[in-house]
mmCIF file of all heavy atoms, coordinates in Angstrom:
data_MODEL
# 
_entry.id   MODEL 
# 
loop_
_atom_site.group_PDB 
_atom_site.id 
_atom_site.type_symbol 
_atom_site.label_atom_id 
_atom_site.label_alt_id 
_atom_site.label_comp_id 
_atom_site.label_asym_id 
_atom_site.label_entity_id 
_atom_site.label_seq_id 
_atom_site.pdbx_PDB_ins_code 
_atom_site.Cartn_x 
_atom_site.Cartn_y 
_atom_site.Cartn_z 
_atom_site.occupancy 
_atom_site.B_iso_or_equiv 
_atom_site.pdbx_formal_charge 
_atom_site.auth_seq_id 
_atom_site.auth_comp_id 
_atom_site.auth_asym_id 
_atom_site.auth_atom_id 
_atom_site.pdbx_PDB_model_num 
ATOM 1   N N   . VAL A 1 1  ? 0.841   -1.209  0.000   1.00 0.00 ? 1  VAL A N   1 
ATOM 2   C CA  . VAL A 1 1  ? 0.000   0.000   0.000   1.00 0.00 ? 1  VAL A CA  1 
ATOM 3   C C   . VAL A 1 1  ? 0.871   1.252   0.000   1.00 0.00 ? 1  VAL A C   1 
ATOM 4   O O   . VAL A 1 1  ? 0.643   2.191   -0.771  1.00 0.00 ? 1  VAL A O   1 
ATOM 5   C CB  . VAL A 1 1  ? -0.972  0.000   1.214   1.00 0.00 ? 1  VAL A CB  1 
ATOM 6   C CG1 . VAL A 1 1  ? -1.596  1.374   1.414   1.00 0.00 ? 1  VAL A CG1 1 
ATOM 7   C CG2 . VAL A 1 1  ? -2.053  -1.056  1.026   1.00 0.00 ? 1  VAL A CG2 1 
ATOM 8   N N   . ASN A 1 2  ? 1.900   1.268   0.841   1.00 0.00 ? 2  ASN A N   1 
ATOM 9   C CA  . ASN A 1 2  ? 2.797   2.425   0.898   1.00 0.00 ? 2  ASN A CA  1 
ATOM 10  C C   . ASN A 1 2  ? 3.543   2.624   -0.417  1.00 0.00 ? 2  ASN A C   1 
ATOM 11  O O   . ASN A 1 2  ? 3.709   3.750   -0.891  1.00 0.00 ? 2  ASN A O   1 
ATOM 12  C CB  . ASN A 1 2  ? 3.782   2.286   2.056   1.00 0.00 ? 2  ASN A CB  1 
ATOM 13  C CG  . ASN A 1 2  ? 3.110   2.446   3.405   1.00 0.00 ? 2  ASN A CG  1 
ATOM 14  O OD1 . ASN A 1 2  ? 2.023   2.994   3.516   1.00 0.00 ? 2  ASN A OD1 1 
ATOM 15  N ND2 . ASN A 1 2  ? 3.751   1.936   4.441   1.00 0.00 ? 2  ASN A ND2 1 
ATOM 16  N N   . ALA A 1 3  ? 4.001   1.522   -1.020  1.00 0.00 ? 3  ALA A N   1 
ATOM 17  C CA  . ALA A 1 3  ? 4.711   1.622   -2.309  1.00 0.00 ? 3  ALA A CA  1 
ATOM 18  C C   . ALA A 1 3  ? 3.785   2.178   -3.387  1.00 0.00 ? 3  ALA A C   1 
ATOM 19  O O   . ALA A 1 3  ? 4.192   3.021   -4.192  1.00 0.00 ? 3  ALA A O   1 
ATOM 20  C CB  . ALA A 1 3  ? 5.255   0.261   -2.727  1.00 0.00 ? 3  ALA A CB  1 
ATOM 21  N N   . CYS A 1 4  ? 2.549   1.713   -3.403  1.00 0.00 ? 4  CYS A N   1 
ATOM 22  C CA  . CYS A 1 4  ? 1.577   2.218   -4.389  1.00 0.00 ? 4  CYS A CA  1 
ATOM 23  C C   . CYS A 1 4  ? 1.323   3.711   -4.182  1.00 0.00 ? 4  CYS A C   1 
ATOM 24  O O   . CYS A 1 4  ? 1.316   4.488   -5.145  1.00 0.00 ? 4  CYS A O   1 
ATOM 25  C CB  . CYS A 1 4  ? 0.264   1.445   -4.293  1.00 0.00 ? 4  CYS A CB  1 
ATOM 26  S SG  . CYS A 1 4  ? 0.368   -0.254  -4.875  1.00 0.00 ? 4  CYS A SG  1 
ATOM 27  N N   . ASN A 1 5  ? 1.110   4.096   -2.938  1.00 0.00 ? 5  ASN A N   1 
ATOM 28  C CA  . ASN A 1 5  ? 0.874   5.516   -2.651  1.00 0.00 ? 5  ASN A CA  1 
ATOM 29  C C   . ASN A 1 5  ? 2.072   6.367   -3.044  1.00 0.00 ? 5  ASN A C   1 
ATOM 30  O O   . ASN A 1 5  ? 1.904   7.457   -3.590  1.00 0.00 ? 5  ASN A O   1 
ATOM 31  C CB  . ASN A 1 5  ? 0.530   5.719   -1.172  1.00 0.00 ? 5  ASN A CB  1 
ATOM 32  C CG  . ASN A 1 5  ? -0.887  5.313   -0.854  1.00 0.00 ? 5  ASN A CG  1 
ATOM 33  O OD1 . ASN A 1 5  ? -1.774  5.386   -1.702  1.00 0.00 ? 5  ASN A OD1 1 
ATOM 34  N ND2 . ASN A 1 5  ? -1.120  4.864   0.364   1.00 0.00 ? 5  ASN A ND2 1 
ATOM 35  N N   . ASP A 1 6  ? 3.276   5.871   -2.791  1.00 0.00 ? 6  ASP A N   1 
ATOM 36  C CA  . ASP A 1 6  ? 4.483   6.597   -3.192  1.00 0.00 ? 6  ASP A CA  1 
ATOM 37  C C   . ASP A 1 6  ? 4.544   6.759   -4.711  1.00 0.00 ? 6  ASP A C   1 
ATOM 38  O O   . ASP A 1 6  ? 4.827   7.845   -5.215  1.00 0.00 ? 6  ASP A O   1 
ATOM 39  C CB  . ASP A 1 6  ? 5.745   5.875   -2.715  1.00 0.00 ? 6  ASP A CB  1 
ATOM 40  C CG  . ASP A 1 6  ? 5.938   5.948   -1.206  1.00 0.00 ? 6  ASP A CG  1 
ATOM 41  O OD1 . ASP A 1 6  ? 5.250   6.772   -0.559  1.00 0.00 ? 6  ASP A OD1 1 
ATOM 42  O OD2 . ASP A 1 6  ? 6.764   5.170   -0.689  1.00 0.00 ? 6  ASP A OD2 1 
ATOM 43  N N   . MET A 1 7  ? 4.273   5.677   -5.425  1.00 0.00 ? 7  MET A N   1 
ATOM 44  C CA  . MET A 1 7  ? 4.319   5.737   -6.886  1.00 0.00 ? 7  MET A CA  1 
ATOM 45  C C   . MET A 1 7  ? 3.248   6.677   -7.432  1.00 0.00 ? 7  MET A C   1 
ATOM 46  O O   . MET A 1 7  ? 3.497   7.431   -8.374  1.00 0.00 ? 7  MET A O   1 
ATOM 47  C CB  . MET A 1 7  ? 4.157   4.332   -7.478  1.00 0.00 ? 7  MET A CB  1 
ATOM 48  C CG  . MET A 1 7  ? 5.374   3.442   -7.270  1.00 0.00 ? 7  MET A CG  1 
ATOM 49  S SD  . MET A 1 7  ? 5.133   1.754   -7.880  1.00 0.00 ? 7  MET A SD  1 
ATOM 50  C CE  . MET A 1 7  ? 5.131   2.049   -9.654  1.00 0.00 ? 7  MET A CE  1 
ATOM 51  N N   . LEU A 1 8  ? 2.058   6.649   -6.841  1.00 0.00 ? 8  LEU A N   1 
ATOM 52  C CA  . LEU A 1 8  ? 0.978   7.525   -7.298  1.00 0.00 ? 8  LEU A CA  1 
ATOM 53  C C   . LEU A 1 8  ? 1.315   8.993   -7.018  1.00 0.00 ? 8  LEU A C   1 
ATOM 54  O O   . LEU A 1 8  ? 1.027   9.864   -7.839  1.00 0.00 ? 8  LEU A O   1 
ATOM 55  C CB  . LEU A 1 8  ? -0.342  7.142   -6.642  1.00 0.00 ? 8  LEU A CB  1 
ATOM 56  C CG  . LEU A 1 8  ? -0.940  5.822   -7.119  1.00 0.00 ? 8  LEU A CG  1 
ATOM 57  C CD1 . LEU A 1 8  ? -2.142  5.433   -6.263  1.00 0.00 ? 8  LEU A CD1 1 
ATOM 58  C CD2 . LEU A 1 8  ? -1.327  5.901   -8.583  1.00 0.00 ? 8  LEU A CD2 1 
ATOM 59  N N   . ARG A 1 9  ? 1.916   9.244   -5.864  1.00 0.00 ? 9  ARG A N   1 
ATOM 60  C CA  . ARG A 1 9  ? 2.316   10.616  -5.543  1.00 0.00 ? 9  ARG A CA  1 
ATOM 61  C C   . ARG A 1 9  ? 3.342   11.125  -6.551  1.00 0.00 ? 9  ARG A C   1 
ATOM 62  O O   . ARG A 1 9  ? 3.295   12.269  -6.956  1.00 0.00 ? 9  ARG A O   1 
ATOM 63  C CB  . ARG A 1 9  ? 2.910   10.684  -4.138  1.00 0.00 ? 9  ARG A CB  1 
ATOM 64  C CG  . ARG A 1 9  ? 1.938   11.219  -3.117  1.00 0.00 ? 9  ARG A CG  1 
ATOM 65  C CD  . ARG A 1 9  ? 2.622   11.451  -1.774  1.00 0.00 ? 9  ARG A CD  1 
ATOM 66  N NE  . ARG A 1 9  ? 2.011   10.596  -0.780  1.00 0.00 ? 9  ARG A NE  1 
ATOM 67  C CZ  . ARG A 1 9  ? 2.487   9.444   -0.320  1.00 0.00 ? 9  ARG A CZ  1 
ATOM 68  N NH1 . ARG A 1 9  ? 3.623   8.997   -0.702  1.00 0.00 ? 9  ARG A NH1 1 
ATOM 69  N NH2 . ARG A 1 9  ? 1.841   8.740   0.568   1.00 0.00 ? 9  ARG A NH2 1 
ATOM 70  N N   . LYS A 1 10 ? 4.255   10.249  -6.923  1.00 0.00 ? 10 LYS A N   1 
ATOM 71  C CA  . LYS A 1 10 ? 5.293   10.643  -7.879  1.00 0.00 ? 10 LYS A CA  1 
ATOM 72  C C   . LYS A 1 10 ? 4.711   10.900  -9.262  1.00 0.00 ? 10 LYS A C   1 
ATOM 73  O O   . LYS A 1 10 ? 5.100   11.834  -9.939  1.00 0.00 ? 10 LYS A O   1 
ATOM 74  C CB  . LYS A 1 10 ? 6.381   9.567   -7.962  1.00 0.00 ? 10 LYS A CB  1 
ATOM 75  C CG  . LYS A 1 10 ? 7.262   9.521   -6.746  1.00 0.00 ? 10 LYS A CG  1 
ATOM 76  C CD  . LYS A 1 10 ? 8.267   8.395   -6.840  1.00 0.00 ? 10 LYS A CD  1 
ATOM 77  C CE  . LYS A 1 10 ? 9.043   8.252   -5.542  1.00 0.00 ? 10 LYS A CE  1 
ATOM 78  N NZ  . LYS A 1 10 ? 9.880   7.058   -5.529  1.00 0.00 ? 10 LYS A NZ  1 
ATOM 79  N N   . SER A 1 11 ? 3.790   10.068  -9.672  1.00 0.00 ? 11 SER A N   1 
ATOM 80  C CA  . SER A 1 11 ? 3.248   10.220  -11.028 1.00 0.00 ? 11 SER A CA  1 
ATOM 81  C C   . SER A 1 11 ? 2.166   11.295  -11.093 1.00 0.00 ? 11 SER A C   1 
ATOM 82  O O   . SER A 1 11 ? 1.975   11.912  -12.141 1.00 0.00 ? 11 SER A O   1 
ATOM 83  C CB  . SER A 1 11 ? 2.689   8.888   -11.537 1.00 0.00 ? 11 SER A CB  1 
ATOM 84  O OG  . SER A 1 11 ? 1.469   8.586   -10.893 1.00 0.00 ? 11 SER A OG  1 
ATOM 85  N N   . LYS A 1 12 ? 1.439   11.477  -9.987  1.00 0.00 ? 12 LYS A N   1 
ATOM 86  C CA  . LYS A 1 12 ? 0.353   12.466  -9.907  1.00 0.00 ? 12 LYS A CA  1 
ATOM 87  C C   . LYS A 1 12 ? -0.702  12.287  -11.000 1.00 0.00 ? 12 LYS A C   1 
ATOM 88  O O   . LYS A 1 12 ? -1.534  13.149  -11.213 1.00 0.00 ? 12 LYS A O   1 
ATOM 89  C CB  . LYS A 1 12 ? 0.896   13.899  -9.978  1.00 0.00 ? 12 LYS A CB  1 
ATOM 90  C CG  . LYS A 1 12 ? 1.623   14.335  -8.774  1.00 0.00 ? 12 LYS A CG  1 
ATOM 91  C CD  . LYS A 1 12 ? 0.673   14.605  -7.649  1.00 0.00 ? 12 LYS A CD  1 
ATOM 92  C CE  . LYS A 1 12 ? 1.430   15.217  -6.494  1.00 0.00 ? 12 LYS A CE  1 
ATOM 93  N NZ  . LYS A 1 12 ? 0.644   15.384  -5.340  1.00 0.00 ? 12 LYS A NZ  1 
ATOM 94  N N   . LYS A 1 13 ? -0.612  11.202  -11.710 1.00 0.00 ? 13 LYS A N   1 
ATOM 95  C CA  . LYS A 1 13 ? -1.592  10.979  -12.766 1.00 0.00 ? 13 LYS A CA  1 
ATOM 96  C C   . LYS A 1 13 ? -1.928  9.500   -12.790 1.00 0.00 ? 13 LYS A C   1 
ATOM 97  O O   . LYS A 1 13 ? -1.071  8.672   -12.986 1.00 0.00 ? 13 LYS A O   1 
ATOM 98  C CB  . LYS A 1 13 ? -1.028  11.390  -14.127 1.00 0.00 ? 13 LYS A CB  1 
ATOM 99  C CG  . LYS A 1 13 ? -2.003  11.233  -15.255 1.00 0.00 ? 13 LYS A CG  1 
ATOM 100 C CD  . LYS A 1 13 ? -1.413  11.692  -16.560 1.00 0.00 ? 13 LYS A CD  1 
ATOM 101 C CE  . LYS A 1 13 ? -2.422  11.439  -17.671 1.00 0.00 ? 13 LYS A CE  1 
ATOM 102 N NZ  . LYS A 1 13 ? -1.829  11.583  -18.965 1.00 0.00 ? 13 LYS A NZ  1 
ATOM 103 N N   . MET A 1 14 ? -3.192  9.210   -12.595 1.00 0.00 ? 14 MET A N   1 
ATOM 104 C CA  . MET A 1 14 ? -3.610  7.812   -12.634 1.00 0.00 ? 14 MET A CA  1 
ATOM 105 C C   . MET A 1 14 ? -4.087  7.468   -14.035 1.00 0.00 ? 14 MET A C   1 
ATOM 106 O O   . MET A 1 14 ? -4.735  8.254   -14.696 1.00 0.00 ? 14 MET A O   1 
ATOM 107 C CB  . MET A 1 14 ? -4.719  7.577   -11.619 1.00 0.00 ? 14 MET A CB  1 
ATOM 108 C CG  . MET A 1 14 ? -4.248  7.811   -10.202 1.00 0.00 ? 14 MET A CG  1 
ATOM 109 S SD  . MET A 1 14 ? -5.458  7.378   -8.978  1.00 0.00 ? 14 MET A SD  1 
ATOM 110 C CE  . MET A 1 14 ? -5.666  5.654   -9.306  1.00 0.00 ? 14 MET A CE  1 
ATOM 111 N N   . LYS A 1 15 ? -3.767  6.276   -14.451 1.00 0.00 ? 15 LYS A N   1 
ATOM 112 C CA  . LYS A 1 15 ? -4.144  5.830   -15.784 1.00 0.00 ? 15 LYS A CA  1 
ATOM 113 C C   . LYS A 1 15 ? -5.485  5.123   -15.739 1.00 0.00 ? 15 LYS A C   1 
ATOM 114 O O   . LYS A 1 15 ? -5.864  4.552   -14.735 1.00 0.00 ? 15 LYS A O   1 
ATOM 115 C CB  . LYS A 1 15 ? -3.072  4.900   -16.329 1.00 0.00 ? 15 LYS A CB  1 
ATOM 116 C CG  . LYS A 1 15 ? -1.731  5.587   -16.457 1.00 0.00 ? 15 LYS A CG  1 
ATOM 117 C CD  . LYS A 1 15 ? -0.653  4.621   -16.843 1.00 0.00 ? 15 LYS A CD  1 
ATOM 118 C CE  . LYS A 1 15 ? 0.663   5.343   -16.932 1.00 0.00 ? 15 LYS A CE  1 
ATOM 119 N NZ  . LYS A 1 15 ? 1.577   5.052   -15.881 1.00 0.00 ? 15 LYS A NZ  1 
ATOM 120 N N   . VAL A 1 16 ? -6.184  5.141   -16.843 1.00 0.00 ? 16 VAL A N   1 
ATOM 121 C CA  . VAL A 1 16 ? -7.476  4.477   -16.938 1.00 0.00 ? 16 VAL A CA  1 
ATOM 122 C C   . VAL A 1 16 ? -7.264  2.974   -17.075 1.00 0.00 ? 16 VAL A C   1 
ATOM 123 O O   . VAL A 1 16 ? -6.404  2.523   -17.810 1.00 0.00 ? 16 VAL A O   1 
ATOM 124 C CB  . VAL A 1 16 ? -8.262  5.006   -18.165 1.00 0.00 ? 16 VAL A CB  1 
ATOM 125 C CG1 . VAL A 1 16 ? -9.584  4.299   -18.307 1.00 0.00 ? 16 VAL A CG1 1 
ATOM 126 C CG2 . VAL A 1 16 ? -8.456  6.499   -18.047 1.00 0.00 ? 16 VAL A CG2 1 
ATOM 127 N N   . ILE A 1 17 ? -8.077  2.222   -16.366 1.00 0.00 ? 17 ILE A N   1 
ATOM 128 C CA  . ILE A 1 17 ? -7.990  0.762   -16.469 1.00 0.00 ? 17 ILE A CA  1 
ATOM 129 C C   . ILE A 1 17 ? -8.542  0.326   -17.811 1.00 0.00 ? 17 ILE A C   1 
ATOM 130 O O   . ILE A 1 17 ? -9.641  0.686   -18.198 1.00 0.00 ? 17 ILE A O   1 
ATOM 131 C CB  . ILE A 1 17 ? -8.819  0.085   -15.370 1.00 0.00 ? 17 ILE A CB  1 
ATOM 132 C CG1 . ILE A 1 17 ? -8.221  0.345   -14.017 1.00 0.00 ? 17 ILE A CG1 1 
ATOM 133 C CG2 . ILE A 1 17 ? -8.929  -1.412  -15.612 1.00 0.00 ? 17 ILE A CG2 1 
ATOM 134 C CD1 . ILE A 1 17 ? -8.968  -0.262  -12.880 1.00 0.00 ? 17 ILE A CD1 1 
ATOM 135 N N   . ASP A 1 18 ? -7.747  -0.444  -18.534 1.00 0.00 ? 18 ASP A N   1 
ATOM 136 C CA  . ASP A 1 18 ? -8.274  -1.028  -19.763 1.00 0.00 ? 18 ASP A CA  1 
ATOM 137 C C   . ASP A 1 18 ? -7.945  -2.512  -19.848 1.00 0.00 ? 18 ASP A C   1 
ATOM 138 O O   . ASP A 1 18 ? -8.410  -3.192  -20.726 1.00 0.00 ? 18 ASP A O   1 
ATOM 139 C CB  . ASP A 1 18 ? -7.732  -0.296  -21.000 1.00 0.00 ? 18 ASP A CB  1 
ATOM 140 C CG  . ASP A 1 18 ? -6.231  -0.422  -21.139 1.00 0.00 ? 18 ASP A CG  1 
ATOM 141 O OD1 . ASP A 1 18 ? -5.571  -0.900  -20.210 1.00 0.00 ? 18 ASP A OD1 1 
ATOM 142 O OD2 . ASP A 1 18 ? -5.710  -0.021  -22.205 1.00 0.00 ? 18 ASP A OD2 1 
ATOM 143 N N   . THR A 1 19 ? -7.173  -3.008  -18.906 1.00 0.00 ? 19 THR A N   1 
ATOM 144 C CA  . THR A 1 19 ? -6.778  -4.411  -18.971 1.00 0.00 ? 19 THR A CA  1 
ATOM 145 C C   . THR A 1 19 ? -7.426  -5.271  -17.897 1.00 0.00 ? 19 THR A C   1 
ATOM 146 O O   . THR A 1 19 ? -7.443  -6.474  -18.019 1.00 0.00 ? 19 THR A O   1 
ATOM 147 C CB  . THR A 1 19 ? -5.251  -4.539  -18.824 1.00 0.00 ? 19 THR A CB  1 
ATOM 148 O OG1 . THR A 1 19 ? -4.872  -3.932  -17.609 1.00 0.00 ? 19 THR A OG1 1 
ATOM 149 C CG2 . THR A 1 19 ? -4.536  -3.912  -19.987 1.00 0.00 ? 19 THR A CG2 1 
ATOM 150 N N   . VAL A 1 20 ? -7.968  -4.682  -16.864 1.00 0.00 ? 20 VAL A N   1 
ATOM 151 C CA  . VAL A 1 20 ? -8.497  -5.460  -15.757 1.00 0.00 ? 20 VAL A CA  1 
ATOM 152 C C   . VAL A 1 20 ? -9.641  -6.362  -16.201 1.00 0.00 ? 20 VAL A C   1 
ATOM 153 O O   . VAL A 1 20 ? -9.779  -7.470  -15.742 1.00 0.00 ? 20 VAL A O   1 
ATOM 154 C CB  . VAL A 1 20 ? -8.966  -4.540  -14.615 1.00 0.00 ? 20 VAL A CB  1 
ATOM 155 C CG1 . VAL A 1 20 ? -9.681  -5.320  -13.542 1.00 0.00 ? 20 VAL A CG1 1 
ATOM 156 C CG2 . VAL A 1 20 ? -7.782  -3.804  -14.032 1.00 0.00 ? 20 VAL A CG2 1 
ATOM 157 N N   . TYR A 1 21 ? -10.430 -5.912  -17.126 1.00 0.00 ? 21 TYR A N   1 
ATOM 158 C CA  . TYR A 1 21 ? -11.625 -6.652  -17.494 1.00 0.00 ? 21 TYR A CA  1 
ATOM 159 C C   . TYR A 1 21 ? -11.445 -7.548  -18.716 1.00 0.00 ? 21 TYR A C   1 
ATOM 160 O O   . TYR A 1 21 ? -12.319 -8.299  -19.052 1.00 0.00 ? 21 TYR A O   1 
ATOM 161 C CB  . TYR A 1 21 ? -12.778 -5.668  -17.735 1.00 0.00 ? 21 TYR A CB  1 
ATOM 162 C CG  . TYR A 1 21 ? -12.991 -4.805  -16.530 1.00 0.00 ? 21 TYR A CG  1 
ATOM 163 C CD1 . TYR A 1 21 ? -12.573 -3.483  -16.530 1.00 0.00 ? 21 TYR A CD1 1 
ATOM 164 C CD2 . TYR A 1 21 ? -13.535 -5.335  -15.372 1.00 0.00 ? 21 TYR A CD2 1 
ATOM 165 C CE1 . TYR A 1 21 ? -12.718 -2.695  -15.411 1.00 0.00 ? 21 TYR A CE1 1 
ATOM 166 C CE2 . TYR A 1 21 ? -13.676 -4.546  -14.243 1.00 0.00 ? 21 TYR A CE2 1 
ATOM 167 C CZ  . TYR A 1 21 ? -13.279 -3.235  -14.271 1.00 0.00 ? 21 TYR A CZ  1 
ATOM 168 O OH  . TYR A 1 21 ? -13.414 -2.467  -13.160 1.00 0.00 ? 21 TYR A OH  1 
ATOM 169 N N   . LYS A 1 22 ? -10.310 -7.481  -19.358 1.00 0.00 ? 22 LYS A N   1 
ATOM 170 C CA  . LYS A 1 22 ? -10.097 -8.295  -20.552 1.00 0.00 ? 22 LYS A CA  1 
ATOM 171 C C   . LYS A 1 22 ? -10.153 -9.779  -20.242 1.00 0.00 ? 22 LYS A C   1 
ATOM 172 O O   . LYS A 1 22 ? -10.792 -10.527 -20.953 1.00 0.00 ? 22 LYS A O   1 
ATOM 173 C CB  . LYS A 1 22 ? -8.774  -7.939  -21.228 1.00 0.00 ? 22 LYS A CB  1 
ATOM 174 C CG  . LYS A 1 22 ? -8.819  -6.604  -21.920 1.00 0.00 ? 22 LYS A CG  1 
ATOM 175 C CD  . LYS A 1 22 ? -7.516  -6.302  -22.619 1.00 0.00 ? 22 LYS A CD  1 
ATOM 176 C CE  . LYS A 1 22 ? -7.607  -4.924  -23.260 1.00 0.00 ? 22 LYS A CE  1 
ATOM 177 N NZ  . LYS A 1 22 ? -6.370  -4.515  -23.863 1.00 0.00 ? 22 LYS A NZ  1 
ATOM 178 N N   . ASN A 1 23 ? -9.504  -10.222 -19.176 1.00 0.00 ? 23 ASN A N   1 
ATOM 179 C CA  . ASN A 1 23 ? -9.531  -11.632 -18.838 1.00 0.00 ? 23 ASN A CA  1 
ATOM 180 C C   . ASN A 1 23 ? -10.944 -12.095 -18.538 1.00 0.00 ? 23 ASN A C   1 
ATOM 181 O O   . ASN A 1 23 ? -11.368 -13.149 -18.949 1.00 0.00 ? 23 ASN A O   1 
ATOM 182 C CB  . ASN A 1 23 ? -8.629  -11.930 -17.636 1.00 0.00 ? 23 ASN A CB  1 
ATOM 183 C CG  . ASN A 1 23 ? -7.166  -11.827 -18.002 1.00 0.00 ? 23 ASN A CG  1 
ATOM 184 O OD1 . ASN A 1 23 ? -6.809  -11.937 -19.165 1.00 0.00 ? 23 ASN A OD1 1 
ATOM 185 N ND2 . ASN A 1 23 ? -6.334  -11.600 -17.011 1.00 0.00 ? 23 ASN A ND2 1 
ATOM 186 N N   . GLU A 1 24 ? -11.665 -11.265 -17.803 1.00 0.00 ? 24 GLU A N   1 
ATOM 187 C CA  . GLU A 1 24 ? -13.037 -11.608 -17.453 1.00 0.00 ? 24 GLU A CA  1 
ATOM 188 C C   . GLU A 1 24 ? -13.885 -11.743 -18.717 1.00 0.00 ? 24 GLU A C   1 
ATOM 189 O O   . GLU A 1 24 ? -14.658 -12.680 -18.858 1.00 0.00 ? 24 GLU A O   1 
ATOM 190 C CB  . GLU A 1 24 ? -13.612 -10.530 -16.537 1.00 0.00 ? 24 GLU A CB  1 
ATOM 191 C CG  . GLU A 1 24 ? -14.963 -10.876 -15.974 1.00 0.00 ? 24 GLU A CG  1 
ATOM 192 C CD  . GLU A 1 24 ? -15.443 -9.835  -14.986 1.00 0.00 ? 24 GLU A CD  1 
ATOM 193 O OE1 . GLU A 1 24 ? -14.656 -9.459  -14.094 1.00 0.00 ? 24 GLU A OE1 1 
ATOM 194 O OE2 . GLU A 1 24 ? -16.589 -9.417  -15.125 1.00 0.00 ? 24 GLU A OE2 1 
ATOM 195 N N   . GLU A 1 25 ? -13.730 -10.835 -19.639 1.00 0.00 ? 25 GLU A N   1 
ATOM 196 C CA  . GLU A 1 25 ? -14.504 -10.911 -20.881 1.00 0.00 ? 25 GLU A CA  1 
ATOM 197 C C   . GLU A 1 25 ? -14.108 -12.126 -21.689 1.00 0.00 ? 25 GLU A C   1 
ATOM 198 O O   . GLU A 1 25 ? -14.956 -12.812 -22.243 1.00 0.00 ? 25 GLU A O   1 
ATOM 199 C CB  . GLU A 1 25 ? -14.307 -9.645  -21.708 1.00 0.00 ? 25 GLU A CB  1 
ATOM 200 C CG  . GLU A 1 25 ? -15.026 -8.457  -21.119 1.00 0.00 ? 25 GLU A CG  1 
ATOM 201 C CD  . GLU A 1 25 ? -14.749 -7.188  -21.889 1.00 0.00 ? 25 GLU A CD  1 
ATOM 202 O OE1 . GLU A 1 25 ? -14.180 -7.258  -22.983 1.00 0.00 ? 25 GLU A OE1 1 
ATOM 203 O OE2 . GLU A 1 25 ? -15.125 -6.133  -21.379 1.00 0.00 ? 25 GLU A OE2 1 
ATOM 204 N N   . ASP A 1 26 ? -12.833 -12.412 -21.768 1.00 0.00 ? 26 ASP A N   1 
ATOM 205 C CA  . ASP A 1 26 ? -12.379 -13.589 -22.499 1.00 0.00 ? 26 ASP A CA  1 
ATOM 206 C C   . ASP A 1 26 ? -12.996 -14.846 -21.904 1.00 0.00 ? 26 ASP A C   1 
ATOM 207 O O   . ASP A 1 26 ? -13.428 -15.737 -22.632 1.00 0.00 ? 26 ASP A O   1 
ATOM 208 C CB  . ASP A 1 26 ? -10.858 -13.697 -22.490 1.00 0.00 ? 26 ASP A CB  1 
ATOM 209 C CG  . ASP A 1 26 ? -10.194 -12.621 -23.330 1.00 0.00 ? 26 ASP A CG  1 
ATOM 210 O OD1 . ASP A 1 26 ? -10.882 -12.002 -24.167 1.00 0.00 ? 26 ASP A OD1 1 
ATOM 211 O OD2 . ASP A 1 26 ? -8.991  -12.394 -23.139 1.00 0.00 ? 26 ASP A OD2 1 
ATOM 212 N N   . GLU A 1 27 ? -13.044 -14.927 -20.582 1.00 0.00 ? 27 GLU A N   1 
ATOM 213 C CA  . GLU A 1 27 ? -13.646 -16.088 -19.942 1.00 0.00 ? 27 GLU A CA  1 
ATOM 214 C C   . GLU A 1 27 ? -15.123 -16.168 -20.268 1.00 0.00 ? 27 GLU A C   1 
ATOM 215 O O   . GLU A 1 27 ? -15.632 -17.239 -20.546 1.00 0.00 ? 27 GLU A O   1 
ATOM 216 C CB  . GLU A 1 27 ? -13.467 -16.023 -18.423 1.00 0.00 ? 27 GLU A CB  1 
ATOM 217 C CG  . GLU A 1 27 ? -12.077 -16.406 -17.985 1.00 0.00 ? 27 GLU A CG  1 
ATOM 218 C CD  . GLU A 1 27 ? -11.926 -16.385 -16.473 1.00 0.00 ? 27 GLU A CD  1 
ATOM 219 O OE1 . GLU A 1 27 ? -12.938 -16.534 -15.765 1.00 0.00 ? 27 GLU A OE1 1 
ATOM 220 O OE2 . GLU A 1 27 ? -10.794 -16.222 -16.021 1.00 0.00 ? 27 GLU A OE2 1 
ATOM 221 N N   . ASP A 1 28 ? -15.829 -15.044 -20.234 1.00 0.00 ? 28 ASP A N   1 
ATOM 222 C CA  . ASP A 1 28 ? -17.257 -15.055 -20.556 1.00 0.00 ? 28 ASP A CA  1 
ATOM 223 C C   . ASP A 1 28 ? -17.481 -15.601 -21.957 1.00 0.00 ? 28 ASP A C   1 
ATOM 224 O O   . ASP A 1 28 ? -18.396 -16.383 -22.178 1.00 0.00 ? 28 ASP A O   1 
ATOM 225 C CB  . ASP A 1 28 ? -17.856 -13.640 -20.466 1.00 0.00 ? 28 ASP A CB  1 
ATOM 226 C CG  . ASP A 1 28 ? -17.998 -13.177 -19.021 1.00 0.00 ? 28 ASP A CG  1 
ATOM 227 O OD1 . ASP A 1 28 ? -17.954 -14.032 -18.120 1.00 0.00 ? 28 ASP A OD1 1 
ATOM 228 O OD2 . ASP A 1 28 ? -18.147 -11.963 -18.819 1.00 0.00 ? 28 ASP A OD2 1 
ATOM 229 N N   . ILE A 1 29 ? -16.653 -15.185 -22.874 1.00 0.00 ? 29 ILE A N   1 
ATOM 230 C CA  . ILE A 1 29 ? -16.798 -15.654 -24.254 1.00 0.00 ? 29 ILE A CA  1 
ATOM 231 C C   . ILE A 1 29 ? -16.441 -17.136 -24.349 1.00 0.00 ? 29 ILE A C   1 
ATOM 232 O O   . ILE A 1 29 ? -17.150 -17.923 -24.954 1.00 0.00 ? 29 ILE A O   1 
ATOM 233 C CB  . ILE A 1 29 ? -15.914 -14.819 -25.198 1.00 0.00 ? 29 ILE A CB  1 
ATOM 234 C CG1 . ILE A 1 29 ? -16.459 -13.379 -25.246 1.00 0.00 ? 29 ILE A CG1 1 
ATOM 235 C CG2 . ILE A 1 29 ? -15.884 -15.419 -26.591 1.00 0.00 ? 29 ILE A CG2 1 
ATOM 236 C CD1 . ILE A 1 29 ? -15.527 -12.387 -25.889 1.00 0.00 ? 29 ILE A CD1 1 
# 
């Protein structure tokens, strides 16, 4: 959690999730 918070503070920009749901969709298909 601390490492993630440190990385987010450094980047100050969060990216949009586009890969989290791909596996789930592939399984559904």
